[in-house]
Structure formats: structure tokens, C-alpha cells
Amino acid sequence: MTTMRLGEVEIIRVVEIPRSTYPTSDMLPTSDAAAIARHRAGWLGAFYDASTGDLGSRIQSYVVRTPHETVVIDTCVGNDKARENPLWNMRQGTWLDDLRAAGVAPENVDYVLCTHMHVDHVGWNTSREHGRWVPTFPRATYVFVGEEWEFWNHERESGRDHDGCIDDSVLPIVEAGRARLVDATTAIGNHLRFEPTPGHTPGHACVRLTTGAGTAVFSGDLMHRVVQVAEPQWSSRFCYDGAQAAKTRHAFVERHADSGTLVCAAHFPTPGYVVKADGGYRFEASR
């Protein structure tokens, strides 16, 4: 758990799972081992995990506490859910306890925002109570990009929700009347706004935080590994439209290079900054 401040806003990072099931070569199937080795000899080496010998990866959420609201961005894998991935299947993790330890009680959360509806971003939307899936955050408004919901609801109705996460982690929110469907440019309160970043999924959206002391962006799965900052043409194995994802990522990297915007990616081992270096781009961890 890491806590940062940006002006009048507090940002809390809560890690659910400190590693990935997939090595970088599998996660980024078009990646080039020689290029990765070249980057590793320089700036990239700082982002490797000693325990795995691979680029660090996390499954994590971010909490944003403004003077007026408490917001959870992406809700990881969740507990008690049947999943194909053995690391995720019927988990009994401490994420909710860790959230409480950070001073965030579920009943005090005002908004839950999902950058997209993949299984590792919606899991704690719901919890099991008396044999039913109910909203984990009982008084929160869950804000979903409408295009994302429409796509995945159609996949569910067509029998293509292979992980089952729409049935157990999204649909119960809609049926409970806790969902607010918005377009991909909608503002949430005075500090947060969705921004469309399609490709990984059709309705994928980043969340931008604007404060008196600067900006941050919660980039979801726009990037899975830090090396994609330098090699934005490498899309993940899970991208719905890899070509579109690469185009979106190129634009994101160019826009944010040397901007001072804090980038909080869903799977990077640390928040940080996109910077220009040696005729290209790299990622620098925040201090």
C-alpha cells in the first residue's frame, strides 16, 4: 500500500496480487527479446522483480480522496469467484482488509470507476452475501462507460463471457440500480474525468485527475508492462484490437512525455512519468 499527495488530493495504491501469471514474452507476443535486453541494460533494469527475473507487474487498485469524495478506480480480481486462472480462482485475499487499513471503509466510498470490464478490473465490484452477489460498496455509484457495458453485455448474452465476470461482477451492479452509464468524456466531481483510450477493449477509458498541484492519469490497461512506454507498438495478448491499442498508446506516450503528469497504470509496479530520452521514450518511477 502506497499513499501519495497531489495538491488537495490523496492517492492510495492498494495491491491485490504482486505478480502476473504471464511472463512478458507471453503478455506481449509481438515483443522483441533483443530490444527488451537492450532496454534492460539501461533504464528498464530498475523495473525487474528479483523473485521472477521478469518485468514487474501488479494487479492493483487506486483510491482517490478529494476534499469532497472518495473514489475507487478498478477493483482487481475479487474473492470467492470461479475463474479459469488458478491464481485467481476462488481467491481468499486481503484486498478489502487492506483497503480498510488505508482508512477506506466500503460504506464511505462515493464512486467506483472501471477503466474497462476485464476480469481483473471489476472483481471487487461485488461480494458474496447469503449466496448472492451484492455491491461491495453499498452507497457508491458505479460509473461505467456505456460503450464498454454494451459490448460486454452483448458478449454475455451471446455466451462469450468466458470468465463469467460480467455475470458476477457487473450485472449485479446494474440490477441493483447502482450503475451510471456515461460517455467516455464524462466528468466525475470536480477533479476526475474519463478520457477515451480504445483498443484494449472497445470502450476502454483512462481517468484523468486534475488538482491545483498538477495532474495524474489512471491508464488502466493501455499499457501492461513498463517497456511499452519505449515500444508502444507492442500490444498485449488480451487487446481486442491490437492495432488500435498501439495507435492509442503512441498518442498517449507522445502527449505525456515530459509533461509532469503522474501515470498510474493498473499493472506497472510503481507510478511514474513518461520522459524523453535518447531519441525515444522511457518511464521513470515516482519518488
C-alpha atoms as a PDB file:
ATOM      1  CA  MET A   1       0.000   0.000   0.000  1.00  0.00           C
ATOM      2  CA  THR A   2       1.393   3.390  -1.042  1.00  0.00           C
ATOM      3  CA  THR A   3      -0.023   6.831  -0.292  1.00  0.00           C
ATOM      4  CA  MET A   4       0.805   9.952  -2.308  1.00  0.00           C
ATOM      5  CA  ARG A   5      -0.482  13.515  -2.335  1.00  0.00           C
ATOM      6  CA  LEU A   6      -1.117  15.687  -5.350  1.00  0.00           C
ATOM      7  CA  GLY A   7      -2.230  19.079  -4.162  1.00  0.00           C
ATOM      8  CA  GLU A   8      -5.501  18.768  -2.289  1.00  0.00           C
ATOM      9  CA  VAL A   9      -5.983  15.120  -3.314  1.00  0.00           C
ATOM     10  CA  GLU A  10      -4.709  11.899  -1.745  1.00  0.00           C
ATOM     11  CA  ILE A  11      -3.914   8.891  -3.952  1.00  0.00           C
ATOM     12  CA  ILE A  12      -3.707   5.426  -2.381  1.00  0.00           C
ATOM     13  CA  ARG A  13      -2.396   2.395  -4.258  1.00  0.00           C
ATOM     14  CA  VAL A  14      -3.720  -0.962  -2.995  1.00  0.00           C
ATOM     15  CA  VAL A  15      -2.040  -4.070  -4.452  1.00  0.00           C
ATOM     16  CA  GLU A  16      -4.114  -7.243  -4.597  1.00  0.00           C
ATOM     17  CA  ILE A  17      -1.657  -9.602  -6.362  1.00  0.00           C
ATOM     18  CA  PRO A  18       2.051  -8.655  -6.632  1.00  0.00           C
ATOM     19  CA  ARG A  19       2.843 -10.593  -9.800  1.00  0.00           C
ATOM     20  CA  SER A  20       1.446 -11.671 -13.153  1.00  0.00           C
ATOM     21  CA  THR A  21       0.545 -15.139 -14.377  1.00  0.00           C
ATOM     22  CA  TYR A  22       2.066 -14.282 -17.751  1.00  0.00           C
ATOM     23  CA  PRO A  23       5.755 -13.606 -18.465  1.00  0.00           C
ATOM     24  CA  THR A  24       6.434 -10.536 -20.566  1.00  0.00           C
ATOM     25  CA  SER A  25       7.115 -12.609 -23.692  1.00  0.00           C
ATOM     26  CA  ASP A  26       3.607 -14.096 -23.434  1.00  0.00           C
ATOM     27  CA  MET A  27       1.863 -10.898 -22.407  1.00  0.00           C
ATOM     28  CA  LEU A  28       3.420  -9.000 -25.329  1.00  0.00           C
ATOM     29  CA  PRO A  29       3.505 -11.606 -28.130  1.00  0.00           C
ATOM     30  CA  THR A  30       4.986  -9.241 -30.750  1.00  0.00           C
ATOM     31  CA  SER A  31       7.763  -8.056 -28.445  1.00  0.00           C
ATOM     32  CA  ASP A  32      11.402  -8.491 -29.410  1.00  0.00           C
ATOM     33  CA  ALA A  33      13.752 -10.121 -26.905  1.00  0.00           C
ATOM     34  CA  ALA A  34      16.796  -8.263 -28.223  1.00  0.00           C
ATOM     35  CA  ALA A  35      15.056  -4.903 -27.844  1.00  0.00           C
ATOM     36  CA  ILE A  36      13.986  -5.783 -24.293  1.00  0.00           C
ATOM     37  CA  ALA A  37      17.553  -6.804 -23.440  1.00  0.00           C
ATOM     38  CA  ARG A  38      18.859  -3.523 -24.821  1.00  0.00           C
ATOM     39  CA  HIS A  39      16.415  -1.529 -22.690  1.00  0.00           C
ATOM     40  CA  ARG A  40      17.192  -3.708 -19.671  1.00  0.00           C
ATOM     41  CA  ALA A  41      20.860  -2.817 -19.899  1.00  0.00           C
ATOM     42  CA  GLY A  42      19.818   0.787 -19.349  1.00  0.00           C
ATOM     43  CA  TRP A  43      16.716   2.332 -17.821  1.00  0.00           C
ATOM     44  CA  LEU A  44      14.468  -0.758 -17.821  1.00  0.00           C
ATOM     45  CA  GLY A  45      16.581  -2.778 -15.395  1.00  0.00           C
ATOM     46  CA  ALA A  46      15.148  -0.929 -12.399  1.00  0.00           C
ATOM     47  CA  PHE A  47      11.686  -2.375 -13.094  1.00  0.00           C
ATOM     48  CA  TYR A  48      12.546  -6.071 -12.857  1.00  0.00           C
ATOM     49  CA  ASP A  49      11.421  -8.216  -9.925  1.00  0.00           C
ATOM     50  CA  ALA A  50      14.259 -10.228  -8.411  1.00  0.00           C
ATOM     51  CA  SER A  51      11.896 -13.072  -7.442  1.00  0.00           C
ATOM     52  CA  THR A  52      10.759 -13.696 -11.017  1.00  0.00           C
ATOM     53  CA  GLY A  53      13.606 -12.341 -13.131  1.00  0.00           C
ATOM     54  CA  ASP A  54      10.942 -10.644 -15.238  1.00  0.00           C
ATOM     55  CA  LEU A  55       9.479  -7.199 -15.553  1.00  0.00           C
ATOM     56  CA  GLY A  56       7.429  -6.329 -12.511  1.00  0.00           C
ATOM     57  CA  SER A  57       3.652  -6.492 -12.739  1.00  0.00           C
ATOM     58  CA  ARG A  58       0.868  -5.936 -10.236  1.00  0.00           C
ATOM     59  CA  ILE A  59      -2.883  -6.305 -10.002  1.00  0.00           C
ATOM     60  CA  GLN A  60      -3.928  -3.230  -8.061  1.00  0.00           C
ATOM     61  CA  SER A  61      -6.467  -0.500  -7.465  1.00  0.00           C
ATOM     62  CA  TYR A  62      -6.140   3.205  -6.878  1.00  0.00           C
ATOM     63  CA  VAL A  63      -8.200   5.205  -4.406  1.00  0.00           C
ATOM     64  CA  VAL A  64      -8.578   8.939  -4.951  1.00  0.00           C
ATOM     65  CA  ARG A  65      -9.702  11.013  -1.969  1.00  0.00           C
ATOM     66  CA  THR A  66     -10.642  14.571  -2.857  1.00  0.00           C
ATOM     67  CA  PRO A  67     -11.994  17.137  -0.408  1.00  0.00           C
ATOM     68  CA  HIS A  68     -15.495  16.054  -1.444  1.00  0.00           C
ATOM     69  CA  GLU A  69     -15.497  12.359  -2.388  1.00  0.00           C
ATOM     70  CA  THR A  70     -13.749   9.012  -2.127  1.00  0.00           C
ATOM     71  CA  VAL A  71     -13.311   7.184  -5.429  1.00  0.00           C
ATOM     72  CA  VAL A  72     -12.042   3.659  -6.156  1.00  0.00           C
ATOM     73  CA  ILE A  73     -10.585   3.116  -9.638  1.00  0.00           C
ATOM     74  CA  ASP A  74     -10.656  -0.520 -10.847  1.00  0.00           C
ATOM     75  CA  THR A  75     -11.399  -3.305  -8.376  1.00  0.00           C
ATOM     76  CA  CYS A  76      -8.994  -6.153  -9.229  1.00  0.00           C
ATOM     77  CA  VAL A  77      -9.953  -9.861  -9.156  1.00  0.00           C
ATOM     78  CA  GLY A  78     -12.058 -10.237  -6.017  1.00  0.00           C
ATOM     79  CA  ASN A  79     -12.742 -13.156  -3.674  1.00  0.00           C
ATOM     80  CA  ASP A  80     -14.883 -16.280  -3.941  1.00  0.00           C
ATOM     81  CA  LYS A  81     -15.194 -16.188  -7.735  1.00  0.00           C
ATOM     82  CA  ALA A  82     -14.807 -19.148 -10.083  1.00  0.00           C
ATOM     83  CA  ARG A  83     -12.077 -18.272 -12.592  1.00  0.00           C
ATOM     84  CA  GLU A  84     -10.055 -20.179 -15.171  1.00  0.00           C
ATOM     85  CA  ASN A  85      -6.794 -18.693 -13.898  1.00  0.00           C
ATOM     86  CA  PRO A  86      -5.645 -20.836 -10.917  1.00  0.00           C
ATOM     87  CA  LEU A  87      -4.090 -17.819  -9.192  1.00  0.00           C
ATOM     88  CA  TRP A  88      -7.456 -16.040  -9.283  1.00  0.00           C
ATOM     89  CA  ASN A  89      -9.845 -18.941  -8.806  1.00  0.00           C
ATOM     90  CA  MET A  90     -11.881 -18.758  -5.560  1.00  0.00           C
ATOM     91  CA  ARG A  91      -9.388 -16.338  -4.065  1.00  0.00           C
ATOM     92  CA  GLN A  92      -9.352 -15.553  -0.371  1.00  0.00           C
ATOM     93  CA  GLY A  93      -7.242 -12.419  -0.461  1.00  0.00           C
ATOM     94  CA  THR A  94      -6.909  -9.433   1.875  1.00  0.00           C
ATOM     95  CA  TRP A  95      -7.666  -6.599  -0.570  1.00  0.00           C
ATOM     96  CA  LEU A  96     -10.768  -5.418   1.277  1.00  0.00           C
ATOM     97  CA  ASP A  97      -8.951  -5.521   4.625  1.00  0.00           C
ATOM     98  CA  ASP A  98      -6.055  -3.611   3.079  1.00  0.00           C
ATOM     99  CA  LEU A  99      -8.495  -1.003   1.835  1.00  0.00           C
ATOM    100  CA  ARG A 100      -9.897  -0.616   5.336  1.00  0.00           C
ATOM    101  CA  ALA A 101      -6.370  -0.405   6.762  1.00  0.00           C
ATOM    102  CA  ALA A 102      -5.818   2.574   4.470  1.00  0.00           C
ATOM    103  CA  GLY A 103      -8.810   4.246   6.092  1.00  0.00           C
ATOM    104  CA  VAL A 104     -11.234   3.479   3.275  1.00  0.00           C
ATOM    105  CA  ALA A 105     -14.376   1.777   4.580  1.00  0.00           C
ATOM    106  CA  PRO A 106     -16.594   0.328   1.816  1.00  0.00           C
ATOM    107  CA  GLU A 107     -19.623   2.208   3.081  1.00  0.00           C
ATOM    108  CA  ASN A 108     -17.777   5.526   2.735  1.00  0.00           C
ATOM    109  CA  VAL A 109     -16.886   5.159  -0.954  1.00  0.00           C
ATOM    110  CA  ASP A 110     -18.821   7.570  -3.177  1.00  0.00           C
ATOM    111  CA  TYR A 111     -17.823   6.339  -6.645  1.00  0.00           C
ATOM    112  CA  VAL A 112     -16.337   3.236  -8.233  1.00  0.00           C
ATOM    113  CA  LEU A 113     -14.872   3.798 -11.712  1.00  0.00           C
ATOM    114  CA  CYS A 114     -13.893   0.975 -14.070  1.00  0.00           C
ATOM    115  CA  THR A 115     -11.487   1.763 -16.899  1.00  0.00           C
ATOM    116  CA  HIS A 116     -12.847  -1.336 -18.652  1.00  0.00           C
ATOM    117  CA  MET A 117     -14.582  -4.620 -17.839  1.00  0.00           C
ATOM    118  CA  HIS A 118     -11.872  -7.262 -17.898  1.00  0.00           C
ATOM    119  CA  VAL A 119     -11.909  -9.807 -15.098  1.00  0.00           C
ATOM    120  CA  ASP A 120      -9.039  -8.265 -13.111  1.00  0.00           C
ATOM    121  CA  HIS A 121     -10.614  -4.798 -13.053  1.00  0.00           C
ATOM    122  CA  VAL A 122     -14.152  -5.497 -11.831  1.00  0.00           C
ATOM    123  CA  GLY A 123     -13.847  -8.337  -9.304  1.00  0.00           C
ATOM    124  CA  TRP A 124     -14.370  -6.424  -6.071  1.00  0.00           C
ATOM    125  CA  ASN A 125     -17.351  -4.593  -7.530  1.00  0.00           C
ATOM    126  CA  THR A 126     -19.354  -7.300  -5.777  1.00  0.00           C
ATOM    127  CA  SER A 127     -19.054  -9.587  -2.760  1.00  0.00           C
ATOM    128  CA  ARG A 128     -20.833 -12.810  -1.875  1.00  0.00           C
ATOM    129  CA  GLU A 129     -23.567 -12.452   0.750  1.00  0.00           C
ATOM    130  CA  HIS A 130     -26.110 -15.178   1.563  1.00  0.00           C
ATOM    131  CA  GLY A 131     -25.491 -16.843  -1.791  1.00  0.00           C
ATOM    132  CA  ARG A 132     -25.913 -13.633  -3.820  1.00  0.00           C
ATOM    133  CA  TRP A 133     -23.531 -11.155  -5.426  1.00  0.00           C
ATOM    134  CA  VAL A 134     -24.138  -7.721  -3.935  1.00  0.00           C
ATOM    135  CA  PRO A 135     -22.316  -4.368  -4.336  1.00  0.00           C
ATOM    136  CA  THR A 136     -19.191  -4.304  -2.162  1.00  0.00           C
ATOM    137  CA  PHE A 137     -19.573  -0.535  -1.831  1.00  0.00           C
ATOM    138  CA  PRO A 138     -23.206  -0.205  -0.775  1.00  0.00           C
ATOM    139  CA  ARG A 139     -23.732   3.512  -1.244  1.00  0.00           C
ATOM    140  CA  ALA A 140     -21.351   4.082  -4.155  1.00  0.00           C
ATOM    141  CA  THR A 141     -22.343   4.986  -7.682  1.00  0.00           C
ATOM    142  CA  TYR A 142     -20.535   2.638 -10.057  1.00  0.00           C
ATOM    143  CA  VAL A 143     -19.640   4.594 -13.188  1.00  0.00           C
ATOM    144  CA  PHE A 144     -19.211   2.578 -16.392  1.00  0.00           C
ATOM    145  CA  VAL A 145     -18.550   3.823 -19.911  1.00  0.00           C
ATOM    146  CA  GLY A 146     -21.741   2.935 -21.770  1.00  0.00           C
ATOM    147  CA  GLU A 147     -19.956   1.637 -24.866  1.00  0.00           C
ATOM    148  CA  GLU A 148     -17.935  -0.775 -22.704  1.00  0.00           C
ATOM    149  CA  TRP A 149     -21.028  -2.097 -20.929  1.00  0.00           C
ATOM    150  CA  GLU A 150     -22.963  -2.530 -24.184  1.00  0.00           C
ATOM    151  CA  PHE A 151     -20.116  -4.527 -25.741  1.00  0.00           C
ATOM    152  CA  TRP A 152     -19.640  -6.858 -22.786  1.00  0.00           C
ATOM    153  CA  ASN A 153     -23.348  -7.301 -22.143  1.00  0.00           C
ATOM    154  CA  HIS A 154     -23.700  -8.406 -25.749  1.00  0.00           C
ATOM    155  CA  GLU A 155     -20.788 -10.806 -25.278  1.00  0.00           C
ATOM    156  CA  ARG A 156     -22.502 -12.165 -22.169  1.00  0.00           C
ATOM    157  CA  GLU A 157     -25.827 -12.624 -23.929  1.00  0.00           C
ATOM    158  CA  SER A 158     -24.006 -14.370 -26.782  1.00  0.00           C
ATOM    159  CA  GLY A 159     -22.278 -16.799 -24.407  1.00  0.00           C
ATOM    160  CA  ARG A 160     -18.820 -15.308 -24.901  1.00  0.00           C
ATOM    161  CA  ASP A 161     -18.184 -14.045 -21.343  1.00  0.00           C
ATOM    162  CA  HIS A 162     -15.704 -16.853 -20.711  1.00  0.00           C
ATOM    163  CA  ASP A 163     -14.519 -15.541 -17.351  1.00  0.00           C
ATOM    164  CA  GLY A 164     -18.033 -15.012 -16.038  1.00  0.00           C
ATOM    165  CA  CYS A 165     -17.051 -11.620 -14.633  1.00  0.00           C
ATOM    166  CA  ILE A 166     -19.914  -9.740 -16.273  1.00  0.00           C
ATOM    167  CA  ASP A 167     -22.425 -12.096 -14.674  1.00  0.00           C
ATOM    168  CA  ASP A 168     -20.965 -11.951 -11.177  1.00  0.00           C
ATOM    169  CA  SER A 169     -19.217  -8.556 -11.034  1.00  0.00           C
ATOM    170  CA  VAL A 170     -21.035  -6.142 -13.360  1.00  0.00           C
ATOM    171  CA  LEU A 171     -24.604  -7.301 -13.995  1.00  0.00           C
ATOM    172  CA  PRO A 172     -25.450  -7.383 -10.249  1.00  0.00           C
ATOM    173  CA  ILE A 173     -24.446  -3.705 -10.046  1.00  0.00           C
ATOM    174  CA  VAL A 174     -26.756  -2.823 -12.930  1.00  0.00           C
ATOM    175  CA  GLU A 175     -29.612  -4.882 -11.487  1.00  0.00           C
ATOM    176  CA  ALA A 176     -29.153  -3.242  -8.060  1.00  0.00           C
ATOM    177  CA  GLY A 177     -29.593   0.186  -9.646  1.00  0.00           C
ATOM    178  CA  ARG A 178     -26.090   1.282  -8.621  1.00  0.00           C
ATOM    179  CA  ALA A 179     -24.675   1.719 -12.164  1.00  0.00           C
ATOM    180  CA  ARG A 180     -24.388   5.003 -14.003  1.00  0.00           C
ATOM    181  CA  LEU A 181     -23.643   4.631 -17.718  1.00  0.00           C
ATOM    182  CA  VAL A 182     -21.743   7.561 -19.223  1.00  0.00           C
ATOM    183  CA  ASP A 183     -19.835   8.535 -22.332  1.00  0.00           C
ATOM    184  CA  ALA A 184     -16.049   8.351 -22.351  1.00  0.00           C
ATOM    185  CA  THR A 185     -15.512  12.068 -21.673  1.00  0.00           C
ATOM    186  CA  THR A 186     -17.692  12.416 -18.576  1.00  0.00           C
ATOM    187  CA  ALA A 187     -16.515  14.364 -15.521  1.00  0.00           C
ATOM    188  CA  ILE A 188     -16.897  12.831 -12.059  1.00  0.00           C
ATOM    189  CA  GLY A 189     -16.960  15.564  -9.442  1.00  0.00           C
ATOM    190  CA  ASN A 190     -14.547  18.479  -9.706  1.00  0.00           C
ATOM    191  CA  HIS A 191     -11.314  16.523 -10.141  1.00  0.00           C
ATOM    192  CA  LEU A 192     -11.841  13.443 -12.323  1.00  0.00           C
ATOM    193  CA  ARG A 193     -12.785  12.878 -15.931  1.00  0.00           C
ATOM    194  CA  PHE A 194     -12.909   9.884 -18.256  1.00  0.00           C
ATOM    195  CA  GLU A 195     -10.866  10.069 -21.470  1.00  0.00           C
ATOM    196  CA  PRO A 196     -11.400   7.574 -24.319  1.00  0.00           C
ATOM    197  CA  THR A 197      -8.448   5.255 -24.988  1.00  0.00           C
ATOM    198  CA  PRO A 198      -9.919   2.478 -27.176  1.00  0.00           C
ATOM    199  CA  GLY A 199      -8.157  -0.617 -28.430  1.00  0.00           C
ATOM    200  CA  HIS A 200      -7.562  -2.847 -25.454  1.00  0.00           C
ATOM    201  CA  THR A 201     -11.352  -3.045 -25.274  1.00  0.00           C
ATOM    202  CA  PRO A 202     -13.866  -1.092 -27.376  1.00  0.00           C
ATOM    203  CA  GLY A 203     -14.831   1.286 -24.566  1.00  0.00           C
ATOM    204  CA  HIS A 204     -11.575   1.421 -22.624  1.00  0.00           C
ATOM    205  CA  ALA A 205     -11.085   4.794 -20.933  1.00  0.00           C
ATOM    206  CA  CYS A 206      -8.399   6.387 -18.792  1.00  0.00           C
ATOM    207  CA  VAL A 207      -9.301   8.553 -15.812  1.00  0.00           C
ATOM    208  CA  ARG A 208      -7.617  11.958 -15.522  1.00  0.00           C
ATOM    209  CA  LEU A 209      -7.149  13.670 -12.172  1.00  0.00           C
ATOM    210  CA  THR A 210      -6.684  17.433 -12.147  1.00  0.00           C
ATOM    211  CA  THR A 211      -5.566  19.225  -8.974  1.00  0.00           C
ATOM    212  CA  GLY A 212      -4.125  22.581  -8.001  1.00  0.00           C
ATOM    213  CA  ALA A 213      -0.661  20.987  -7.940  1.00  0.00           C
ATOM    214  CA  GLY A 214      -0.757  19.036 -11.192  1.00  0.00           C
ATOM    215  CA  THR A 215      -2.348  16.097 -12.953  1.00  0.00           C
ATOM    216  CA  ALA A 216      -2.351  12.318 -12.846  1.00  0.00           C
ATOM    217  CA  VAL A 217      -3.838   9.763 -15.197  1.00  0.00           C
ATOM    218  CA  PHE A 218      -5.051   6.286 -14.267  1.00  0.00           C
ATOM    219  CA  SER A 219      -4.369   4.470 -17.504  1.00  0.00           C
ATOM    220  CA  GLY A 220      -5.965   1.066 -16.905  1.00  0.00           C
ATOM    221  CA  ASP A 221      -4.674  -1.476 -19.422  1.00  0.00           C
ATOM    222  CA  LEU A 222      -3.471   0.994 -22.015  1.00  0.00           C
ATOM    223  CA  MET A 223      -0.062  -0.454 -21.057  1.00  0.00           C
ATOM    224  CA  HIS A 224       0.675  -3.728 -19.236  1.00  0.00           C
ATOM    225  CA  ARG A 225       4.471  -3.551 -18.941  1.00  0.00           C
ATOM    226  CA  VAL A 226       6.759  -0.575 -18.472  1.00  0.00           C
ATOM    227  CA  VAL A 227       8.673  -1.425 -21.659  1.00  0.00           C
ATOM    228  CA  GLN A 228       5.620  -0.426 -23.716  1.00  0.00           C
ATOM    229  CA  VAL A 229       6.439   3.199 -22.989  1.00  0.00           C
ATOM    230  CA  ALA A 230       9.540   2.752 -25.148  1.00  0.00           C
ATOM    231  CA  GLU A 231       7.901   0.254 -27.523  1.00  0.00           C
ATOM    232  CA  PRO A 232       4.255   1.364 -27.809  1.00  0.00           C
ATOM    233  CA  GLN A 233       3.752  -0.730 -30.934  1.00  0.00           C
ATOM    234  CA  TRP A 234       3.716  -3.897 -28.793  1.00  0.00           C
ATOM    235  CA  SER A 235       0.133  -4.702 -27.810  1.00  0.00           C
ATOM    236  CA  SER A 236      -0.872  -7.271 -25.222  1.00  0.00           C
ATOM    237  CA  ARG A 237      -2.308 -10.704 -25.917  1.00  0.00           C
ATOM    238  CA  PHE A 238      -5.603  -9.525 -24.440  1.00  0.00           C
ATOM    239  CA  CYS A 239      -6.155  -6.488 -26.660  1.00  0.00           C
ATOM    240  CA  TYR A 240      -9.437  -6.599 -28.582  1.00  0.00           C
ATOM    241  CA  ASP A 241      -7.914  -4.512 -31.384  1.00  0.00           C
ATOM    242  CA  GLY A 242      -4.140  -4.579 -31.137  1.00  0.00           C
ATOM    243  CA  ALA A 243      -3.585  -2.100 -33.974  1.00  0.00           C
ATOM    244  CA  GLN A 244      -5.943   0.435 -32.411  1.00  0.00           C
ATOM    245  CA  ALA A 245      -4.401  -0.136 -28.979  1.00  0.00           C
ATOM    246  CA  ALA A 246      -0.933   0.591 -30.399  1.00  0.00           C
ATOM    247  CA  LYS A 247      -2.167   3.775 -32.079  1.00  0.00           C
ATOM    248  CA  THR A 248      -3.812   4.927 -28.845  1.00  0.00           C
ATOM    249  CA  ARG A 249      -0.682   4.100 -26.853  1.00  0.00           C
ATOM    250  CA  HIS A 250       1.590   6.015 -29.276  1.00  0.00           C
ATOM    251  CA  ALA A 251      -0.583   9.098 -28.878  1.00  0.00           C
ATOM    252  CA  PHE A 252      -0.648   8.732 -25.088  1.00  0.00           C
ATOM    253  CA  VAL A 253       3.140   8.428 -24.803  1.00  0.00           C
ATOM    254  CA  GLU A 254       3.752  11.406 -27.072  1.00  0.00           C
ATOM    255  CA  ARG A 255       1.187  13.534 -25.232  1.00  0.00           C
ATOM    256  CA  HIS A 256       2.544  12.800 -21.763  1.00  0.00           C
ATOM    257  CA  ALA A 257       6.294  12.786 -22.400  1.00  0.00           C
ATOM    258  CA  ASP A 258       7.972  15.391 -20.176  1.00  0.00           C
ATOM    259  CA  SER A 259       4.538  16.710 -19.186  1.00  0.00           C
ATOM    260  CA  GLY A 260       4.950  16.086 -15.457  1.00  0.00           C
ATOM    261  CA  THR A 261       1.720  14.090 -15.408  1.00  0.00           C
ATOM    262  CA  LEU A 262       1.851  11.209 -12.934  1.00  0.00           C
ATOM    263  CA  VAL A 263       0.971   7.959 -14.734  1.00  0.00           C
ATOM    264  CA  CYS A 264      -0.747   5.347 -12.563  1.00  0.00           C
ATOM    265  CA  ALA A 265      -1.014   2.237 -14.725  1.00  0.00           C
ATOM    266  CA  ALA A 266      -3.069  -0.698 -13.491  1.00  0.00           C
ATOM    267  CA  HIS A 267      -0.224  -3.209 -13.804  1.00  0.00           C
ATOM    268  CA  PHE A 268       3.008  -1.213 -13.507  1.00  0.00           C
ATOM    269  CA  PRO A 269       4.999  -1.907 -10.320  1.00  0.00           C
ATOM    270  CA  THR A 270       5.044   1.790  -9.470  1.00  0.00           C
ATOM    271  CA  PRO A 271       3.502   5.061 -10.633  1.00  0.00           C
ATOM    272  CA  GLY A 272       5.809   7.373 -12.553  1.00  0.00           C
ATOM    273  CA  TYR A 273       6.386   9.621 -15.526  1.00  0.00           C
ATOM    274  CA  VAL A 274       6.875   9.308 -19.275  1.00  0.00           C
ATOM    275  CA  VAL A 275      10.068  11.110 -20.270  1.00  0.00           C
ATOM    276  CA  LYS A 276      12.006  11.706 -23.472  1.00  0.00           C
ATOM    277  CA  ALA A 277      15.488  10.193 -23.637  1.00  0.00           C
ATOM    278  CA  ASP A 278      17.984   9.169 -26.319  1.00  0.00           C
ATOM    279  CA  GLY A 279      15.626   9.958 -29.147  1.00  0.00           C
ATOM    280  CA  GLY A 280      12.806   7.880 -27.672  1.00  0.00           C
ATOM    281  CA  TYR A 281      10.777   7.463 -24.513  1.00  0.00           C
ATOM    282  CA  ARG A 282      11.168   5.753 -21.182  1.00  0.00           C
ATOM    283  CA  PHE A 283       9.415   5.524 -17.823  1.00  0.00           C
ATOM    284  CA  GLU A 284      10.732   6.982 -14.589  1.00  0.00           C
ATOM    285  CA  ALA A 285       9.419   5.829 -11.225  1.00  0.00           C
ATOM    286  CA  SER A 286       7.949   8.485  -8.973  1.00  0.00           C
ATOM    287  CA  ARG A 287       9.902   9.290  -5.840  1.00  0.00           C
END
